[in-house]
Amino acid sequence: MIPAAKVHIEVDQKEIARIIEEQISRQVHQQLLLLDINKIAELTSMSVRYLEDEILSDPRVRMYERKKQRKRWWLAQPTLKAIEEIVSNW
C-alpha cells in the first residue's frame, strides 16, 4: 500500500487580486482606440496639469495627438507605450 501524500498550498489573495486586475486592465487598454486627456489622467494616476507640462509635450507622445477644432485625442496603444517609455527613463 502506498502512503498518502499531503500537499499544502498557500494562496496570497492580494497577489491574485493584483494579477486579475492587471489582466483586466490590459484587456480594456487593448480595446481602446482613442484617449482624451481625462482618460490618460485616469489610466496613469497623473493630474491633467502634470500630463500637460511633462508628458503630452514630449515629441514621442505629441506625434500621436489628433485634433478636431478644440478637442484633442491620442491614439491609445502607441501613446500608452510612449508614456511607459518616458516614465521608464526617470
PDB file of N, CA and C in Angstrom:
ATOM      1  N   MET A   1       0.826  -1.172   0.000  1.00  0.00           N
ATOM      2  CA  MET A   1       0.000   0.000   0.000  1.00  0.00           C
ATOM      3  C   MET A   1       0.882   1.251   0.000  1.00  0.00           C
ATOM      4  N   ILE A   2       0.557   2.217  -0.853  1.00  0.00           N
ATOM      5  CA  ILE A   2       1.326   3.455  -0.977  1.00  0.00           C
ATOM      6  C   ILE A   2       0.804   4.457   0.051  1.00  0.00           C
ATOM      7  N   PRO A   3       1.702   5.087   0.820  1.00  0.00           N
ATOM      8  CA  PRO A   3       1.248   6.069   1.799  1.00  0.00           C
ATOM      9  C   PRO A   3       0.718   7.325   1.097  1.00  0.00           C
ATOM     10  N   ALA A   4      -0.304   7.905   1.675  1.00  0.00           N
ATOM     11  CA  ALA A   4      -0.909   9.117   1.106  1.00  0.00           C
ATOM     12  C   ALA A   4      -0.002  10.319   1.344  1.00  0.00           C
ATOM     13  N   ALA A   5       0.152  11.127   0.304  1.00  0.00           N
ATOM     14  CA  ALA A   5       0.966  12.340   0.412  1.00  0.00           C
ATOM     15  C   ALA A   5       0.058  13.521   0.729  1.00  0.00           C
ATOM     16  N   LYS A   6       0.547  14.418   1.543  1.00  0.00           N
ATOM     17  CA  LYS A   6      -0.216  15.616   1.865  1.00  0.00           C
ATOM     18  C   LYS A   6       0.435  16.809   1.174  1.00  0.00           C
ATOM     19  N   VAL A   7      -0.388  17.608   0.541  1.00  0.00           N
ATOM     20  CA  VAL A   7       0.081  18.805  -0.147  1.00  0.00           C
ATOM     21  C   VAL A   7      -0.584  20.006   0.502  1.00  0.00           C
ATOM     22  N   HIS A   8       0.213  20.980   0.856  1.00  0.00           N
ATOM     23  CA  HIS A   8      -0.302  22.205   1.467  1.00  0.00           C
ATOM     24  C   HIS A   8       0.018  23.374   0.539  1.00  0.00           C
ATOM     25  N   ILE A   9      -1.014  24.100   0.120  1.00  0.00           N
ATOM     26  CA  ILE A   9      -0.839  25.232  -0.789  1.00  0.00           C
ATOM     27  C   ILE A   9      -1.297  26.501  -0.088  1.00  0.00           C
ATOM     28  N   GLU A  10      -0.412  27.495  -0.079  1.00  0.00           N
ATOM     29  CA  GLU A  10      -0.783  28.795   0.472  1.00  0.00           C
ATOM     30  C   GLU A  10      -1.065  29.747  -0.685  1.00  0.00           C
ATOM     31  N   VAL A  11      -2.157  30.485  -0.570  1.00  0.00           N
ATOM     32  CA  VAL A  11      -2.566  31.401  -1.620  1.00  0.00           C
ATOM     33  C   VAL A  11      -2.532  32.823  -1.073  1.00  0.00           C
ATOM     34  N   ASP A  12      -1.835  33.693  -1.778  1.00  0.00           N
ATOM     35  CA  ASP A  12      -1.778  35.105  -1.409  1.00  0.00           C
ATOM     36  C   ASP A  12      -2.922  35.817  -2.131  1.00  0.00           C
ATOM     37  N   GLN A  13      -3.977  36.105  -1.411  1.00  0.00           N
ATOM     38  CA  GLN A  13      -5.177  36.706  -2.001  1.00  0.00           C
ATOM     39  C   GLN A  13      -4.892  38.071  -2.623  1.00  0.00           C
ATOM     40  N   LYS A  14      -4.035  38.862  -1.997  1.00  0.00           N
ATOM     41  CA  LYS A  14      -3.728  40.190  -2.532  1.00  0.00           C
ATOM     42  C   LYS A  14      -3.005  40.084  -3.869  1.00  0.00           C
ATOM     43  N   GLU A  15      -2.084  39.146  -3.973  1.00  0.00           N
ATOM     44  CA  GLU A  15      -1.339  38.971  -5.217  1.00  0.00           C
ATOM     45  C   GLU A  15      -2.253  38.467  -6.331  1.00  0.00           C
ATOM     46  N   ILE A  16      -3.148  37.568  -6.011  1.00  0.00           N
ATOM     47  CA  ILE A  16      -4.107  37.077  -7.007  1.00  0.00           C
ATOM     48  C   ILE A  16      -4.995  38.213  -7.481  1.00  0.00           C
ATOM     49  N   ALA A  17      -5.486  39.037  -6.567  1.00  0.00           N
ATOM     50  CA  ALA A  17      -6.329  40.181  -6.921  1.00  0.00           C
ATOM     51  C   ALA A  17      -5.564  41.159  -7.810  1.00  0.00           C
ATOM     52  N   ARG A  18      -4.286  41.387  -7.499  1.00  0.00           N
ATOM     53  CA  ARG A  18      -3.470  42.297  -8.305  1.00  0.00           C
ATOM     54  C   ARG A  18      -3.277  41.761  -9.718  1.00  0.00           C
ATOM     55  N   ILE A  19      -3.023  40.470  -9.833  1.00  0.00           N
ATOM     56  CA  ILE A  19      -2.828  39.855 -11.147  1.00  0.00           C
ATOM     57  C   ILE A  19      -4.107  39.918 -11.975  1.00  0.00           C
ATOM     58  N   ILE A  20      -5.223  39.635 -11.358  1.00  0.00           N
ATOM     59  CA  ILE A  20      -6.515  39.697 -12.066  1.00  0.00           C
ATOM     60  C   ILE A  20      -6.799  41.115 -12.531  1.00  0.00           C
ATOM     61  N   GLU A  21      -6.571  42.089 -11.661  1.00  0.00           N
ATOM     62  CA  GLU A  21      -6.802  43.493 -12.018  1.00  0.00           C
ATOM     63  C   GLU A  21      -5.895  43.915 -13.172  1.00  0.00           C
ATOM     64  N   GLU A  22      -4.654  43.478 -13.140  1.00  0.00           N
ATOM     65  CA  GLU A  22      -3.710  43.799 -14.209  1.00  0.00           C
ATOM     66  C   GLU A  22      -4.165  43.208 -15.541  1.00  0.00           C
ATOM     67  N   GLN A  23      -4.629  41.975 -15.523  1.00  0.00           N
ATOM     68  CA  GLN A  23      -5.091  41.330 -16.758  1.00  0.00           C
ATOM     69  C   GLN A  23      -6.338  42.017 -17.315  1.00  0.00           C
ATOM     70  N   ILE A  24      -7.260  42.380 -16.445  1.00  0.00           N
ATOM     71  CA  ILE A  24      -8.471  43.094 -16.885  1.00  0.00           C
ATOM     72  C   ILE A  24      -8.082  44.428 -17.487  1.00  0.00           C
ATOM     73  N   SER A  25      -7.162  45.122 -16.834  1.00  0.00           N
ATOM     74  CA  SER A  25      -6.703  46.419 -17.326  1.00  0.00           C
ATOM     75  C   SER A  25      -6.085  46.288 -18.714  1.00  0.00           C
ATOM     76  N   ARG A  26      -5.289  45.263 -18.923  1.00  0.00           N
ATOM     77  CA  ARG A  26      -4.684  45.039 -20.240  1.00  0.00           C
ATOM     78  C   ARG A  26      -5.752  44.814 -21.308  1.00  0.00           C
ATOM     79  N   GLN A  27      -6.761  44.040 -20.975  1.00  0.00           N
ATOM     80  CA  GLN A  27      -7.826  43.774 -21.932  1.00  0.00           C
ATOM     81  C   GLN A  27      -8.576  45.050 -22.289  1.00  0.00           C
ATOM     82  N   VAL A  28      -8.842  45.877 -21.304  1.00  0.00           N
ATOM     83  CA  VAL A  28      -9.542  47.140 -21.552  1.00  0.00           C
ATOM     84  C   VAL A  28      -8.683  48.048 -22.420  1.00  0.00           C
ATOM     85  N   HIS A  29      -7.383  48.143 -22.129  1.00  0.00           N
ATOM     86  CA  HIS A  29      -6.496  49.001 -22.907  1.00  0.00           C
ATOM     87  C   HIS A  29      -6.426  48.553 -24.352  1.00  0.00           C
ATOM     88  N   GLN A  30      -6.473  47.263 -24.588  1.00  0.00           N
ATOM     89  CA  GLN A  30      -6.387  46.758 -25.955  1.00  0.00           C
ATOM     90  C   GLN A  30      -7.614  47.129 -26.767  1.00  0.00           C
ATOM     91  N   GLN A  31      -8.724  47.405 -26.117  1.00  0.00           N
ATOM     92  CA  GLN A  31      -9.955  47.726 -26.820  1.00  0.00           C
ATOM     93  C   GLN A  31     -10.111  49.220 -27.082  1.00  0.00           C
ATOM     94  N   LEU A  32      -9.314  50.041 -26.430  1.00  0.00           N
ATOM     95  CA  LEU A  32      -9.405  51.479 -26.622  1.00  0.00           C
ATOM     96  C   LEU A  32      -8.751  51.880 -27.933  1.00  0.00           C
ATOM     97  N   LEU A  33      -9.369  52.797 -28.641  1.00  0.00           N
ATOM     98  CA  LEU A  33      -8.800  53.311 -29.878  1.00  0.00           C
ATOM     99  C   LEU A  33      -8.190  54.682 -29.637  1.00  0.00           C
ATOM    100  N   LEU A  34      -8.966  55.570 -28.986  1.00  0.00           N
ATOM    101  CA  LEU A  34      -8.505  56.923 -28.709  1.00  0.00           C
ATOM    102  C   LEU A  34      -8.638  57.230 -27.227  1.00  0.00           C
ATOM    103  N   LEU A  35      -7.780  58.124 -26.746  1.00  0.00           N
ATOM    104  CA  LEU A  35      -7.828  58.573 -25.362  1.00  0.00           C
ATOM    105  C   LEU A  35      -7.909  60.088 -25.340  1.00  0.00           C
ATOM    106  N   ASP A  36      -8.721  60.631 -24.442  1.00  0.00           N
ATOM    107  CA  ASP A  36      -8.652  62.064 -24.211  1.00  0.00           C
ATOM    108  C   ASP A  36      -7.794  62.293 -22.973  1.00  0.00           C
ATOM    109  N   ILE A  37      -7.540  63.528 -22.653  1.00  0.00           N
ATOM    110  CA  ILE A  37      -6.618  63.818 -21.559  1.00  0.00           C
ATOM    111  C   ILE A  37      -7.143  63.305 -20.223  1.00  0.00           C
ATOM    112  N   ASN A  38      -8.466  63.326 -20.029  1.00  0.00           N
ATOM    113  CA  ASN A  38      -9.030  62.835 -18.772  1.00  0.00           C
ATOM    114  C   ASN A  38      -8.844  61.324 -18.628  1.00  0.00           C
ATOM    115  N   LYS A  39      -8.963  60.595 -19.717  1.00  0.00           N
ATOM    116  CA  LYS A  39      -8.752  59.147 -19.668  1.00  0.00           C
ATOM    117  C   LYS A  39      -7.279  58.827 -19.422  1.00  0.00           C
ATOM    118  N   ILE A  40      -6.381  59.589 -20.039  1.00  0.00           N
ATOM    119  CA  ILE A  40      -4.953  59.380 -19.795  1.00  0.00           C
ATOM    120  C   ILE A  40      -4.640  59.649 -18.330  1.00  0.00           C
ATOM    121  N   ALA A  41      -5.223  60.719 -17.784  1.00  0.00           N
ATOM    122  CA  ALA A  41      -5.008  61.041 -16.374  1.00  0.00           C
ATOM    123  C   ALA A  41      -5.505  59.906 -15.485  1.00  0.00           C
ATOM    124  N   GLU A  42      -6.648  59.337 -15.819  1.00  0.00           N
ATOM    125  CA  GLU A  42      -7.209  58.225 -15.040  1.00  0.00           C
ATOM    126  C   GLU A  42      -6.314  56.984 -15.120  1.00  0.00           C
ATOM    127  N   LEU A  43      -5.849  56.668 -16.309  1.00  0.00           N
ATOM    128  CA  LEU A  43      -5.039  55.470 -16.501  1.00  0.00           C
ATOM    129  C   LEU A  43      -3.650  55.573 -15.880  1.00  0.00           C
ATOM    130  N   THR A  44      -3.102  56.785 -15.842  1.00  0.00           N
ATOM    131  CA  THR A  44      -1.745  56.957 -15.339  1.00  0.00           C
ATOM    132  C   THR A  44      -1.697  57.430 -13.888  1.00  0.00           C
ATOM    133  N   SER A  45      -2.825  57.809 -13.341  1.00  0.00           N
ATOM    134  CA  SER A  45      -2.887  58.389 -11.992  1.00  0.00           C
ATOM    135  C   SER A  45      -2.061  59.666 -11.892  1.00  0.00           C
ATOM    136  N   MET A  46      -1.998  60.389 -12.983  1.00  0.00           N
ATOM    137  CA  MET A  46      -1.307  61.681 -13.015  1.00  0.00           C
ATOM    138  C   MET A  46      -2.353  62.766 -13.229  1.00  0.00           C
ATOM    139  N   SER A  47      -2.066  63.953 -12.732  1.00  0.00           N
ATOM    140  CA  SER A  47      -3.015  65.059 -12.910  1.00  0.00           C
ATOM    141  C   SER A  47      -2.967  65.554 -14.354  1.00  0.00           C
ATOM    142  N   VAL A  48      -4.048  66.180 -14.770  1.00  0.00           N
ATOM    143  CA  VAL A  48      -4.124  66.732 -16.117  1.00  0.00           C
ATOM    144  C   VAL A  48      -3.019  67.768 -16.313  1.00  0.00           C
ATOM    145  N   ARG A  49      -2.823  68.603 -15.311  1.00  0.00           N
ATOM    146  CA  ARG A  49      -1.781  69.639 -15.419  1.00  0.00           C
ATOM    147  C   ARG A  49      -0.387  69.024 -15.560  1.00  0.00           C
ATOM    148  N   TYR A  50      -0.098  67.992 -14.770  1.00  0.00           N
ATOM    149  CA  TYR A  50       1.207  67.334 -14.862  1.00  0.00           C
ATOM    150  C   TYR A  50       1.383  66.699 -16.239  1.00  0.00           C
ATOM    151  N   LEU A  51       0.333  66.061 -16.730  1.00  0.00           N
ATOM    152  CA  LEU A  51       0.415  65.471 -18.068  1.00  0.00           C
ATOM    153  C   LEU A  51       0.720  66.535 -19.112  1.00  0.00           C
ATOM    154  N   GLU A  52       0.007  67.660 -19.031  1.00  0.00           N
ATOM    155  CA  GLU A  52       0.235  68.753 -19.987  1.00  0.00           C
ATOM    156  C   GLU A  52       1.673  69.241 -19.930  1.00  0.00           C
ATOM    157  N   ASP A  53       2.184  69.434 -18.720  1.00  0.00           N
ATOM    158  CA  ASP A  53       3.523  70.007 -18.547  1.00  0.00           C
ATOM    159  C   ASP A  53       4.654  69.038 -18.866  1.00  0.00           C
ATOM    160  N   GLU A  54       4.507  67.783 -18.475  1.00  0.00           N
ATOM    161  CA  GLU A  54       5.631  66.849 -18.528  1.00  0.00           C
ATOM    162  C   GLU A  54       5.535  65.748 -19.581  1.00  0.00           C
ATOM    163  N   ILE A  55       4.333  65.299 -19.882  1.00  0.00           N
ATOM    164  CA  ILE A  55       4.191  64.111 -20.734  1.00  0.00           C
ATOM    165  C   ILE A  55       3.709  64.456 -22.146  1.00  0.00           C
ATOM    166  N   LEU A  56       2.610  65.178 -22.255  1.00  0.00           N
ATOM    167  CA  LEU A  56       1.984  65.407 -23.556  1.00  0.00           C
ATOM    168  C   LEU A  56       2.788  66.351 -24.448  1.00  0.00           C
ATOM    169  N   SER A  57       3.698  67.091 -23.871  1.00  0.00           N
ATOM    170  CA  SER A  57       4.549  67.971 -24.674  1.00  0.00           C
ATOM    171  C   SER A  57       5.757  67.229 -25.258  1.00  0.00           C
ATOM    172  N   ASP A  58       5.981  66.012 -24.795  1.00  0.00           N
ATOM    173  CA  ASP A  58       7.095  65.198 -25.291  1.00  0.00           C
ATOM    174  C   ASP A  58       6.809  64.791 -26.740  1.00  0.00           C
ATOM    175  N   PRO A  59       7.797  64.910 -27.627  1.00  0.00           N
ATOM    176  CA  PRO A  59       7.577  64.555 -29.042  1.00  0.00           C
ATOM    177  C   PRO A  59       7.143  63.110 -29.262  1.00  0.00           C
ATOM    178  N   ARG A  60       7.557  62.210 -28.353  1.00  0.00           N
ATOM    179  CA  ARG A  60       7.163  60.800 -28.505  1.00  0.00           C
ATOM    180  C   ARG A  60       5.671  60.603 -28.294  1.00  0.00           C
ATOM    181  N   VAL A  61       5.037  61.502 -27.576  1.00  0.00           N
ATOM    182  CA  VAL A  61       3.584  61.429 -27.351  1.00  0.00           C
ATOM    183  C   VAL A  61       2.860  62.347 -28.327  1.00  0.00           C
ATOM    184  N   ARG A  62       3.434  63.513 -28.566  1.00  0.00           N
ATOM    185  CA  ARG A  62       2.790  64.512 -29.420  1.00  0.00           C
ATOM    186  C   ARG A  62       2.508  63.970 -30.826  1.00  0.00           C
ATOM    187  N   MET A  63       3.344  63.063 -31.298  1.00  0.00           N
ATOM    188  CA  MET A  63       3.145  62.530 -32.652  1.00  0.00           C
ATOM    189  C   MET A  63       1.858  61.716 -32.790  1.00  0.00           C
ATOM    190  N   TYR A  64       1.272  61.286 -31.672  1.00  0.00           N
ATOM    191  CA  TYR A  64       0.040  60.501 -31.720  1.00  0.00           C
ATOM    192  C   TYR A  64      -1.198  61.332 -31.410  1.00  0.00           C
ATOM    193  N   GLU A  65      -1.011  62.634 -31.277  1.00  0.00           N
ATOM    194  CA  GLU A  65      -2.125  63.530 -30.973  1.00  0.00           C
ATOM    195  C   GLU A  65      -2.930  63.823 -32.228  1.00  0.00           C
ATOM    196  N   ARG A  66      -4.248  63.828 -32.081  1.00  0.00           N
ATOM    197  CA  ARG A  66      -5.168  64.168 -33.159  1.00  0.00           C
ATOM    198  C   ARG A  66      -6.084  65.279 -32.657  1.00  0.00           C
ATOM    199  N   LYS A  67      -6.343  66.274 -33.516  1.00  0.00           N
ATOM    200  CA  LYS A  67      -7.171  67.408 -33.112  1.00  0.00           C
ATOM    201  C   LYS A  67      -8.347  67.572 -34.050  1.00  0.00           C
ATOM    202  N   LYS A  68      -9.455  67.996 -33.474  1.00  0.00           N
ATOM    203  CA  LYS A  68     -10.640  68.385 -34.240  1.00  0.00           C
ATOM    204  C   LYS A  68     -11.193  69.602 -33.527  1.00  0.00           C
ATOM    205  N   GLN A  69     -11.061  70.745 -34.136  1.00  0.00           N
ATOM    206  CA  GLN A  69     -11.408  72.023 -33.527  1.00  0.00           C
ATOM    207  C   GLN A  69     -10.620  72.190 -32.237  1.00  0.00           C
ATOM    208  N   ARG A  70     -11.272  72.248 -31.080  1.00  0.00           N
ATOM    209  CA  ARG A  70     -10.548  72.450 -29.823  1.00  0.00           C
ATOM    210  C   ARG A  70     -10.338  71.160 -29.046  1.00  0.00           C
ATOM    211  N   LYS A  71     -10.889  70.058 -29.514  1.00  0.00           N
ATOM    212  CA  LYS A  71     -10.793  68.779 -28.805  1.00  0.00           C
ATOM    213  C   LYS A  71      -9.550  68.037 -29.264  1.00  0.00           C
ATOM    214  N   ARG A  72      -8.875  67.368 -28.307  1.00  0.00           N
ATOM    215  CA  ARG A  72      -7.675  66.596 -28.611  1.00  0.00           C
ATOM    216  C   ARG A  72      -7.858  65.152 -28.144  1.00  0.00           C
ATOM    217  N   TRP A  73      -7.363  64.231 -28.958  1.00  0.00           N
ATOM    218  CA  TRP A  73      -7.325  62.817 -28.621  1.00  0.00           C
ATOM    219  C   TRP A  73      -5.941  62.293 -28.969  1.00  0.00           C
ATOM    220  N   TRP A  74      -5.617  61.159 -28.369  1.00  0.00           N
ATOM    221  CA  TRP A  74      -4.355  60.484 -28.669  1.00  0.00           C
ATOM    222  C   TRP A  74      -4.660  59.036 -29.017  1.00  0.00           C
ATOM    223  N   LEU A  75      -3.926  58.483 -29.974  1.00  0.00           N
ATOM    224  CA  LEU A  75      -4.080  57.072 -30.316  1.00  0.00           C
ATOM    225  C   LEU A  75      -3.684  56.258 -29.088  1.00  0.00           C
ATOM    226  N   ALA A  76      -4.529  55.349 -28.675  1.00  0.00           N
ATOM    227  CA  ALA A  76      -4.393  54.698 -27.370  1.00  0.00           C
ATOM    228  C   ALA A  76      -3.103  53.892 -27.216  1.00  0.00           C
ATOM    229  N   GLN A  77      -2.935  52.886 -28.025  1.00  0.00           N
ATOM    230  CA  GLN A  77      -1.814  51.955 -27.818  1.00  0.00           C
ATOM    231  C   GLN A  77      -0.438  52.614 -27.951  1.00  0.00           C
ATOM    232  N   PRO A  78      -0.170  53.339 -29.034  1.00  0.00           N
ATOM    233  CA  PRO A  78       1.169  53.933 -29.136  1.00  0.00           C
ATOM    234  C   PRO A  78       1.422  55.015 -28.079  1.00  0.00           C
ATOM    235  N   THR A  79       0.373  55.734 -27.690  1.00  0.00           N
ATOM    236  CA  THR A  79       0.536  56.763 -26.664  1.00  0.00           C
ATOM    237  C   THR A  79       0.881  56.140 -25.323  1.00  0.00           C
ATOM    238  N   LEU A  80       0.194  55.071 -24.954  1.00  0.00           N
ATOM    239  CA  LEU A  80       0.478  54.413 -23.682  1.00  0.00           C
ATOM    240  C   LEU A  80       1.888  53.819 -23.672  1.00  0.00           C
ATOM    241  N   LYS A  81       2.316  53.293 -24.805  1.00  0.00           N
ATOM    242  CA  LYS A  81       3.688  52.758 -24.893  1.00  0.00           C
ATOM    243  C   LYS A  81       4.711  53.876 -24.782  1.00  0.00           C
ATOM    244  N   ALA A  82       4.428  55.024 -25.396  1.00  0.00           N
ATOM    245  CA  ALA A  82       5.348  56.160 -25.306  1.00  0.00           C
ATOM    246  C   ALA A  82       5.430  56.677 -23.875  1.00  0.00           C
ATOM    247  N   ILE A  83       4.296  56.749 -23.197  1.00  0.00           N
ATOM    248  CA  ILE A  83       4.292  57.187 -21.798  1.00  0.00           C
ATOM    249  C   ILE A  83       5.082  56.204 -20.950  1.00  0.00           C
ATOM    250  N   GLU A  84       4.909  54.925 -21.204  1.00  0.00           N
ATOM    251  CA  GLU A  84       5.664  53.907 -20.469  1.00  0.00           C
ATOM    252  C   GLU A  84       7.171  54.079 -20.696  1.00  0.00           C
ATOM    253  N   GLU A  85       7.552  54.390 -21.923  1.00  0.00           N
ATOM    254  CA  GLU A  85       8.970  54.623 -22.233  1.00  0.00           C
ATOM    255  C   GLU A  85       9.490  55.849 -21.496  1.00  0.00           C
ATOM    256  N   ILE A  86       8.692  56.906 -21.464  1.00  0.00           N
ATOM    257  CA  ILE A  86       9.104  58.151 -20.800  1.00  0.00           C
ATOM    258  C   ILE A  86       9.331  57.903 -19.305  1.00  0.00           C
ATOM    259  N   VAL A  87       8.372  57.267 -18.666  1.00  0.00           N
ATOM    260  CA  VAL A  87       8.493  57.065 -17.210  1.00  0.00           C
ATOM    261  C   VAL A  87       9.558  56.012 -16.872  1.00  0.00           C
ATOM    262  N   SER A  88       9.878  55.152 -17.791  1.00  0.00           N
ATOM    263  CA  SER A  88      10.949  54.169 -17.556  1.00  0.00           C
ATOM    264  C   SER A  88      12.311  54.833 -17.483  1.00  0.00           C
ATOM    265  N   ASN A  89      12.441  55.977 -18.100  1.00  0.00           N
ATOM    266  CA  ASN A  89      13.721  56.692 -18.115  1.00  0.00           C
ATOM    267  C   ASN A  89      13.868  57.668 -16.942  1.00  0.00           C
ATOM    268  N   TRP A  90      12.947  57.723 -16.046  1.00  0.00           N
ATOM    269  CA  TRP A  90      13.041  58.614 -14.886  1.00  0.00           C
ATOM    270  C   TRP A  90      14.000  58.089 -13.877  1.00  0.00           C
TER     271      TRP A  90
END
